[in-house]
């Protein structure tokens, strides 16, 4: 980030609040005291405001602020833009659907770093939060869980930047390959809303679809080698090095261990696959025969709902490590038929989900490169030591 700014008061005008002031800098408390002494009052979001009434009153307020700021060693900066919260409300009112806005102010420059983790962006907004000073933002939310961040465009006298936060299921967003790019918005709310509705939101929806799909496929790819190894051992009665499996209790323990690991990963399928399946339209794709398989996958998810609900109910319960492993093994064993159904039909699911990307349909004439990639051989399972046989 660039060098720390001096402690300052940033002034802008608002149609509803009059003269709006934001204290900013490491010593922002000095700026807040100056505003209090000059007669400014706090408004929702944390800014200060003074009404713009007749000329003499406004001049008196401005004069008092100048004097108090000087006494506290605070710089006054006048913004060329209107108050950001006003622009955010104007933008939200013009977007499709119902959106709410929340104004936020980051008095201390360090606070804006808290936004970097949940931000899901591959463009200028992320770079601004890393390298520039961002005193204010507006968070926009809609009823389906989309959450956007709006800031003034740094180092420019006009324009704004808008990007997205990750949905609540994700917390590892740094350099995430599907991340959408934030967008530069003009200062006119109607034009800005048109750009968000026609460019940014469609891109965001495609990005989220692809991220969910990658999450599901990655979970299945991590389960598959262990499952194939376990099935080979059960079918042959031997370890992967050919040594006979002499004790059935060892096989039971292997199944429990697999179920524990598989459940941890299959939860991602249960979380993200339903919305992807809801978008699939096999009759409109080159593979209408996939409808039967998609029904099997939906049924498998429904059959796993009970262990999923129990898992969520236990999420706040204090368990020992062994207790959690036993619970996960139980959930995984209950969901094993569903897991096997998804492993067996993942390629059909992938081609239908890729064809259903928002903005499509994107009909694939051939399997994706990912489907053509050879799967790694199942890992070898070592024999127990002599002490365990």
Protein backbone atom coordinates (compact mmCIF):
# COMPACT_ATOMS: atom_id res chain seq x y z
CA UNK A 1 0.00 0.00 0.00
CA UNK A 2 1.16 3.56 -0.66
CA UNK A 3 2.50 5.65 2.27
CA UNK A 4 0.04 6.37 5.05
CA UNK A 5 -2.11 9.42 4.31
CA UNK A 6 -2.19 12.33 6.76
CA UNK A 7 -5.04 12.39 9.22
CA UNK A 8 -7.81 14.07 7.29
CA UNK A 9 -11.48 14.84 6.93
CA UNK A 10 -12.91 13.98 3.53
CA UNK A 11 -15.89 16.16 2.61
CA UNK A 12 -18.62 15.44 0.07
CA UNK A 13 -22.24 16.48 -0.42
CA UNK A 14 -25.36 14.36 -0.07
CA UNK A 15 -28.90 15.11 -1.19
CA UNK A 16 -30.26 13.58 2.02
CA UNK A 17 -27.59 14.45 4.59
CA UNK A 18 -26.14 17.74 3.40
CA UNK A 19 -22.41 18.05 4.03
CA UNK A 20 -20.91 14.64 4.78
CA UNK A 21 -17.51 14.19 6.41
CA UNK A 22 -15.40 11.04 6.82
CA UNK A 23 -12.51 11.02 9.33
CA UNK A 24 -9.58 9.08 7.91
CA UNK A 25 -6.03 8.15 8.86
CA UNK A 26 -4.18 6.41 11.65
CA UNK A 27 -5.07 9.29 14.00
CA UNK A 28 -8.69 9.42 12.85
CA UNK A 29 -9.93 10.02 16.41
CA UNK A 30 -8.49 13.55 16.20
CA UNK A 31 -10.54 14.12 13.05
CA UNK A 32 -13.66 12.75 14.77
CA UNK A 33 -13.20 15.15 17.68
CA UNK A 34 -12.87 18.08 15.29
CA UNK A 35 -16.13 17.09 13.61
CA UNK A 36 -17.95 16.72 16.93
CA UNK A 37 -16.77 20.15 18.06
CA UNK A 38 -17.80 21.71 14.75
CA UNK A 39 -21.38 20.48 15.19
CA UNK A 40 -21.41 17.47 12.85
CA UNK A 41 -23.54 14.46 13.82
CA UNK A 42 -23.01 10.78 13.07
CA UNK A 43 -25.21 9.18 10.43
CA UNK A 44 -25.78 5.48 9.58
CA UNK A 45 -22.62 3.91 8.23
CA UNK A 46 -20.36 5.92 10.51
CA UNK A 47 -19.88 9.17 8.61
CA UNK A 48 -20.60 12.63 10.05
CA UNK A 49 -23.01 15.13 8.53
CA UNK A 50 -24.19 18.72 8.85
CA UNK A 51 -27.27 20.06 7.03
CA UNK A 52 -26.88 22.49 4.17
CA UNK A 53 -29.48 25.12 5.01
CA UNK A 54 -29.22 28.85 4.38
CA UNK A 55 -25.95 30.38 3.26
CA UNK A 56 -24.90 31.96 6.55
CA UNK A 57 -25.43 28.74 8.55
CA UNK A 58 -23.45 26.73 6.06
CA UNK A 59 -20.62 29.25 6.13
CA UNK A 60 -20.60 29.16 9.93
CA UNK A 61 -20.40 25.34 9.89
CA UNK A 62 -17.58 25.39 7.37
CA UNK A 63 -15.69 28.06 9.32
CA UNK A 64 -16.06 26.11 12.58
CA UNK A 65 -14.79 22.96 10.90
CA UNK A 66 -11.75 24.72 9.45
CA UNK A 67 -10.83 26.09 12.87
CA UNK A 68 -11.38 22.82 14.73
CA UNK A 69 -9.46 20.84 12.12
CA UNK A 70 -6.54 23.24 12.41
CA UNK A 71 -6.54 22.93 16.20
CA UNK A 72 -6.39 19.14 15.97
CA UNK A 73 -3.80 19.06 13.19
CA UNK A 74 -6.20 17.56 10.64
CA UNK A 75 -6.23 18.19 6.89
CA UNK A 76 -9.52 18.84 5.08
CA UNK A 77 -9.96 17.26 1.64
CA UNK A 78 -12.92 17.98 -0.63
CA UNK A 79 -14.10 15.08 -2.79
CA UNK A 80 -15.07 15.86 -6.41
CA UNK A 81 -17.77 13.17 -6.21
CA UNK A 82 -21.11 13.15 -4.39
CA UNK A 83 -21.39 11.05 -1.24
CA UNK A 84 -20.72 7.41 -2.20
CA UNK A 85 -23.77 6.07 -0.34
CA UNK A 86 -26.05 8.19 -2.54
CA UNK A 87 -24.54 6.78 -5.70
CA UNK A 88 -24.82 3.25 -4.27
CA UNK A 89 -28.53 3.72 -3.57
CA UNK A 90 -29.13 5.14 -7.05
CA UNK A 91 -27.30 2.19 -8.58
CA UNK A 92 -29.14 -0.42 -6.52
CA UNK A 93 -32.52 1.07 -7.41
CA UNK A 94 -31.78 0.53 -11.12
CA UNK A 95 -30.46 -3.03 -10.96
CA UNK A 96 -32.70 -6.01 -11.80
CA UNK A 97 -34.26 -7.58 -8.73
CA UNK A 98 -34.31 -6.18 -5.22
CA UNK A 99 -31.06 -4.89 -3.74
CA UNK A 100 -30.16 -3.42 -0.37
CA UNK A 101 -27.17 -1.17 0.33
CA UNK A 102 -24.94 -0.72 3.34
CA UNK A 103 -22.47 2.12 3.63
CA UNK A 104 -19.12 1.31 5.25
CA UNK A 105 -16.24 3.58 6.28
CA UNK A 106 -12.73 2.43 7.05
CA UNK A 107 -11.34 5.19 9.26
CA UNK A 108 -8.00 3.45 9.66
CA UNK A 109 -6.33 2.40 6.37
CA UNK A 110 -5.44 -0.98 7.89
CA UNK A 111 -9.12 -1.93 8.20
CA UNK A 112 -9.64 -2.21 4.46
CA UNK A 113 -7.33 -5.25 4.46
CA UNK A 114 -10.22 -7.21 6.01
CA UNK A 115 -12.00 -6.99 2.65
CA UNK A 116 -9.28 -8.75 0.70
CA UNK A 117 -9.99 -12.28 1.99
CA UNK A 118 -13.69 -12.48 1.10
CA UNK A 119 -13.32 -10.48 -2.12
CA UNK A 120 -13.58 -12.64 -5.24
CA UNK A 121 -11.97 -10.61 -7.99
CA UNK A 122 -9.28 -10.77 -10.64
CA UNK A 123 -9.35 -7.11 -11.64
CA UNK A 124 -8.78 -3.54 -10.51
CA UNK A 125 -10.88 -3.68 -7.36
CA UNK A 126 -8.64 -6.23 -5.68
CA UNK A 127 -5.56 -4.25 -6.71
CA UNK A 128 -7.08 -1.07 -5.31
CA UNK A 129 -7.66 -2.68 -1.93
CA UNK A 130 -4.09 -3.95 -1.88
CA UNK A 131 -2.28 -0.85 -3.12
CA UNK A 132 -4.53 2.21 -2.60
CA UNK A 133 -6.31 3.93 0.27
CA UNK A 134 -10.04 3.20 0.27
CA UNK A 135 -11.84 5.27 2.93
CA UNK A 136 -15.38 4.18 2.03
CA UNK A 137 -17.39 1.50 0.29
CA UNK A 138 -20.97 0.43 -0.31
CA UNK A 139 -21.99 -3.23 -0.05
CA UNK A 140 -24.92 -4.22 -2.28
CA UNK A 141 -26.86 -7.42 -1.58
CA UNK A 142 -29.77 -9.11 -3.30
CA UNK A 143 -32.20 -11.81 -2.23
CA UNK A 144 -30.31 -14.70 -3.87
CA UNK A 145 -27.06 -14.16 -1.99
CA UNK A 146 -25.10 -12.02 -4.45
CA UNK A 147 -22.94 -9.50 -2.58
CA UNK A 148 -21.10 -6.71 -4.38
CA UNK A 149 -18.57 -4.09 -3.30
CA UNK A 150 -18.60 -0.55 -4.71
CA UNK A 151 -15.80 1.97 -4.16
CA UNK A 152 -14.68 5.23 -5.73
CA UNK A 153 -12.08 4.64 -8.40
CA UNK A 154 -8.70 5.48 -6.81
CA UNK A 155 -6.47 8.08 -8.45
CA UNK A 156 -9.33 9.27 -10.64
CA UNK A 157 -11.65 12.22 -10.07
CA UNK A 158 -14.66 10.37 -11.51
CA UNK A 159 -15.92 6.83 -11.86
CA UNK A 160 -16.29 3.83 -9.57
CA UNK A 161 -15.13 0.23 -9.23
CA UNK A 162 -17.52 -2.63 -8.57
CA UNK A 163 -16.73 -6.27 -7.89
CA UNK A 164 -18.05 -9.27 -6.00
CA UNK A 165 -17.54 -11.03 -2.72
CA UNK A 166 -17.41 -14.81 -2.74
CA UNK A 167 -20.54 -16.64 -1.67
CA UNK A 168 -20.55 -17.80 1.94
CA UNK A 169 -19.49 -21.36 1.03
CA UNK A 170 -16.06 -20.13 -0.07
CA UNK A 171 -13.28 -18.53 1.92
CA UNK A 172 -10.19 -19.28 -0.20
CA UNK A 173 -10.46 -16.72 -2.99
CA UNK A 174 -6.89 -15.60 -3.59
CA UNK A 175 -5.97 -16.13 -7.26
CA UNK A 176 -9.01 -18.36 -7.70
CA UNK A 177 -9.03 -19.14 -11.46
CA UNK A 178 -12.75 -18.58 -12.00
CA UNK A 179 -12.85 -15.16 -10.31
CA UNK A 180 -14.74 -12.52 -12.30
CA UNK A 181 -13.12 -9.20 -13.17
CA UNK A 182 -14.36 -6.08 -11.43
CA UNK A 183 -15.79 -3.37 -13.64
CA UNK A 184 -15.17 0.37 -13.98
CA UNK A 185 -18.46 2.25 -13.74
CA UNK A 186 -19.32 5.71 -15.07
CA UNK A 187 -20.61 8.44 -12.78
CA UNK A 188 -24.15 8.39 -14.23
CA UNK A 189 -26.24 5.85 -12.24
CA UNK A 190 -28.38 4.71 -15.17
CA UNK A 191 -25.35 3.99 -17.35
CA UNK A 192 -23.60 2.32 -14.43
CA UNK A 193 -26.59 0.08 -13.71
CA UNK A 194 -26.79 -0.91 -17.38
CA UNK A 195 -23.12 -1.94 -17.32
CA UNK A 196 -23.60 -3.97 -14.13
CA UNK A 197 -26.76 -5.69 -15.39
CA UNK A 198 -25.55 -6.50 -18.90
CA UNK A 199 -21.84 -7.09 -18.35
CA UNK A 200 -20.77 -7.68 -14.76
CA UNK A 201 -23.63 -9.77 -13.36
CA UNK A 202 -23.71 -12.20 -16.33
CA UNK A 203 -19.95 -12.62 -16.00
CA UNK A 204 -20.30 -13.14 -12.24
CA UNK A 205 -23.02 -15.78 -12.72
CA UNK A 206 -20.92 -17.68 -15.25
CA UNK A 207 -17.91 -17.51 -12.97
CA UNK A 208 -19.87 -18.80 -9.98
CA UNK A 209 -21.36 -21.63 -12.07
CA UNK A 210 -17.89 -22.70 -13.18
CA UNK A 211 -16.50 -22.44 -9.66
CA UNK A 212 -19.27 -24.63 -8.28
CA UNK A 213 -18.68 -27.14 -11.06
CA UNK A 214 -14.94 -27.24 -10.43
CA UNK A 215 -15.62 -27.73 -6.72
CA UNK A 216 -17.89 -30.73 -7.37
CA UNK A 217 -15.54 -32.34 -9.89
CA UNK A 218 -12.50 -31.83 -7.66
CA UNK A 219 -14.32 -33.47 -4.75
CA UNK A 220 -15.19 -36.50 -6.89
CA UNK A 221 -11.66 -36.74 -8.29
CA UNK A 222 -10.29 -36.87 -4.75
CA UNK A 223 -12.69 -39.60 -3.71
CA UNK A 224 -12.24 -41.76 -6.82
CA UNK A 225 -8.72 -43.24 -6.31
CA UNK A 226 -9.45 -44.41 -2.76
CA UNK A 227 -12.75 -45.88 -3.88
CA UNK A 228 -11.18 -47.75 -6.78
CA UNK A 229 -8.46 -49.11 -4.52
CA UNK A 230 -11.00 -50.27 -1.93
CA UNK A 231 -13.16 -51.93 -4.58
CA UNK A 232 -10.13 -53.75 -6.03
CA UNK A 233 -9.16 -55.08 -2.61
CA UNK A 234 -12.72 -56.22 -1.85
CA UNK A 235 -12.97 -57.97 -5.23
CA UNK A 236 -9.60 -59.73 -5.01
CA UNK A 237 -9.30 -60.27 -1.27
CA UNK A 238 -5.73 -59.02 -1.55
CA UNK A 239 -3.77 -55.86 -0.93
CA UNK A 240 -2.47 -54.01 -3.96
CA UNK A 241 0.87 -55.80 -3.64
CA UNK A 242 -0.85 -59.19 -3.87
CA UNK A 243 -0.66 -60.23 -0.22
CA UNK A 244 -3.94 -61.85 0.93
CA UNK A 245 -6.26 -59.92 3.18
CA UNK A 246 -6.40 -62.36 6.07
CA UNK A 247 -8.65 -60.57 8.57
CA UNK A 248 -12.12 -59.30 7.61
CA UNK A 249 -11.93 -56.80 10.45
CA UNK A 250 -9.17 -55.00 8.57
CA UNK A 251 -11.46 -54.61 5.56
CA UNK A 252 -14.17 -53.18 7.79
CA UNK A 253 -11.69 -50.69 9.17
CA UNK A 254 -10.57 -49.76 5.65
CA UNK A 255 -14.20 -49.15 4.68
CA UNK A 256 -14.69 -46.89 7.69
CA UNK A 257 -11.53 -44.94 6.90
CA UNK A 258 -12.63 -44.51 3.30
CA UNK A 259 -16.10 -43.40 4.42
CA UNK A 260 -14.56 -40.79 6.74
CA UNK A 261 -12.39 -39.30 3.97
CA UNK A 262 -15.09 -39.57 1.32
CA UNK A 263 -17.70 -37.79 3.43
CA UNK A 264 -15.43 -34.80 3.99
CA UNK A 265 -15.21 -34.35 0.22
CA UNK A 266 -18.73 -35.43 -0.74
CA UNK A 267 -20.13 -32.58 1.33
CA UNK A 268 -18.94 -30.26 -1.45
CA UNK A 269 -21.06 -32.24 -3.90
CA UNK A 270 -24.09 -31.98 -1.63
CA UNK A 271 -23.50 -28.23 -1.24
CA UNK A 272 -22.95 -27.19 -4.85
CA UNK A 273 -24.40 -29.83 -7.15
CA UNK A 274 -28.12 -29.10 -6.58
CA UNK A 275 -28.04 -25.64 -8.14
CA UNK A 276 -26.01 -26.97 -11.08
CA UNK A 277 -28.47 -29.81 -11.65
CA UNK A 278 -31.37 -27.35 -11.53
CA UNK A 279 -29.93 -25.59 -14.58
CA UNK A 280 -29.34 -28.71 -16.67
CA UNK A 281 -31.67 -29.09 -19.67
CA UNK A 282 -30.65 -32.35 -21.36
CA UNK A 283 -33.48 -32.11 -23.92
CA UNK A 284 -31.86 -28.94 -25.28
CA UNK A 285 -28.39 -30.46 -25.36
CA UNK A 286 -26.79 -32.88 -27.85
CA UNK A 287 -27.32 -35.60 -25.24
CA UNK A 288 -31.05 -35.82 -24.42
CA UNK A 289 -30.51 -39.40 -23.23
CA UNK A 290 -28.69 -37.97 -20.18
CA UNK A 291 -32.02 -37.13 -18.54
CA UNK A 292 -32.24 -40.56 -16.91
CA UNK A 293 -28.76 -40.23 -15.40
CA UNK A 294 -29.49 -36.74 -14.09
CA UNK A 295 -32.56 -38.12 -12.33
CA UNK A 296 -30.37 -40.76 -10.69
CA UNK A 297 -27.98 -38.07 -9.50
CA UNK A 298 -30.83 -35.97 -8.06
CA UNK A 299 -32.19 -39.01 -6.23
CA UNK A 300 -28.74 -39.76 -4.84
CA UNK A 301 -28.51 -36.25 -3.43
CA UNK A 302 -31.96 -36.55 -1.88
CA UNK A 303 -31.03 -39.89 -0.31
CA UNK A 304 -28.02 -38.22 1.33
CA UNK A 305 -29.96 -35.37 2.85
CA UNK A 306 -30.50 -37.04 6.23
CA UNK A 307 -26.78 -37.54 7.04
CA UNK A 308 -26.11 -34.08 5.64
CA UNK A 309 -28.68 -32.54 7.96
CA UNK A 310 -27.24 -34.44 10.92
CA UNK A 311 -23.74 -33.32 10.00
CA UNK A 312 -24.87 -29.68 9.98
CA UNK A 313 -26.70 -30.11 13.27
CA UNK A 314 -23.49 -31.42 14.87
CA UNK A 315 -21.30 -28.64 13.45
CA UNK A 316 -21.43 -26.69 16.72
CA UNK A 317 -21.03 -29.69 19.01
CA UNK A 318 -17.70 -30.25 20.74
CA UNK A 319 -16.32 -33.65 19.74
CA UNK A 320 -13.00 -35.37 20.23
CA UNK A 321 -11.04 -36.15 17.08
CA UNK A 322 -12.04 -39.81 17.31
CA UNK A 323 -15.65 -38.78 17.82
CA UNK A 324 -15.64 -36.70 14.66
CA UNK A 325 -14.04 -39.51 12.68
CA UNK A 326 -16.67 -41.95 13.86
CA UNK A 327 -19.46 -39.52 12.95
CA UNK A 328 -17.99 -38.86 9.50
CA UNK A 329 -17.54 -42.58 8.90
CA UNK A 330 -21.19 -43.14 9.77
CA UNK A 331 -22.31 -40.37 7.43
CA UNK A 332 -20.04 -41.62 4.66
CA UNK A 333 -21.28 -45.20 4.98
CA UNK A 334 -24.89 -43.98 4.85
CA UNK A 335 -24.11 -41.94 1.73
CA UNK A 336 -21.95 -44.60 0.05
CA UNK A 337 -24.60 -45.59 -2.57
CA UNK A 338 -24.97 -41.90 -3.49
CA UNK A 339 -21.20 -41.42 -3.66
CA UNK A 340 -20.87 -44.41 -5.97
CA UNK A 341 -23.68 -43.12 -8.18
CA UNK A 342 -21.92 -39.78 -8.56
CA UNK A 343 -18.54 -41.39 -9.22
CA UNK A 344 -20.03 -43.58 -11.92
CA UNK A 345 -21.84 -40.73 -13.70
CA UNK A 346 -19.58 -37.72 -13.20
CA UNK A 347 -18.77 -37.40 -16.91
CA UNK A 348 -22.45 -37.13 -17.84
CA UNK A 349 -22.94 -34.57 -15.10
CA UNK A 350 -19.95 -32.53 -16.26
CA UNK A 351 -21.01 -32.26 -19.89
CA UNK A 352 -24.55 -31.31 -18.94
CA UNK A 353 -23.39 -28.75 -16.36
CA UNK A 354 -20.97 -27.20 -18.85
CA UNK A 355 -23.76 -26.98 -21.40
CA UNK A 356 -25.92 -25.25 -18.78
CA UNK A 357 -23.55 -22.39 -17.98
CA UNK A 358 -25.57 -19.15 -17.59
CA UNK A 359 -25.71 -17.22 -20.82
CA UNK A 360 -25.74 -20.48 -22.83
CA UNK A 361 -26.69 -23.04 -23.65
CA UNK A 362 -23.10 -23.86 -24.50
CA UNK A 363 -23.43 -27.11 -26.43
CA UNK A 364 -20.29 -29.21 -26.43
CA UNK A 365 -19.69 -31.38 -29.45
CA UNK A 366 -16.99 -33.41 -27.72
CA UNK A 367 -15.86 -34.19 -24.18
CA UNK A 368 -13.91 -31.43 -22.50
CA UNK A 369 -10.11 -31.76 -22.25
CA UNK A 370 -10.61 -32.61 -18.60
CA UNK A 371 -12.68 -35.66 -19.55
CA UNK A 372 -9.95 -36.86 -21.89
CA UNK A 373 -7.26 -36.67 -19.22
CA UNK A 374 -6.21 -40.10 -18.05
CA UNK A 375 -7.00 -40.73 -14.44
CA UNK A 376 -4.06 -41.62 -12.20
CA UNK A 377 -3.73 -45.21 -11.10
CA UNK A 378 -5.19 -45.96 -7.66
CA UNK A 379 -2.59 -45.51 -4.92
CA UNK A 380 -1.11 -48.63 -3.41
CA UNK A 381 -2.40 -49.57 0.02
CA UNK A 382 0.39 -50.75 2.32
CA UNK A 383 -0.08 -53.94 4.29
CA UNK A 384 -0.40 -53.60 8.06
CA UNK A 385 2.77 -54.44 9.92
CA UNK A 386 3.12 -57.90 11.43
CA UNK A 387 2.03 -56.52 14.79
CA UNK A 388 -1.35 -55.61 13.31
CA UNK A 389 -2.02 -58.84 11.40
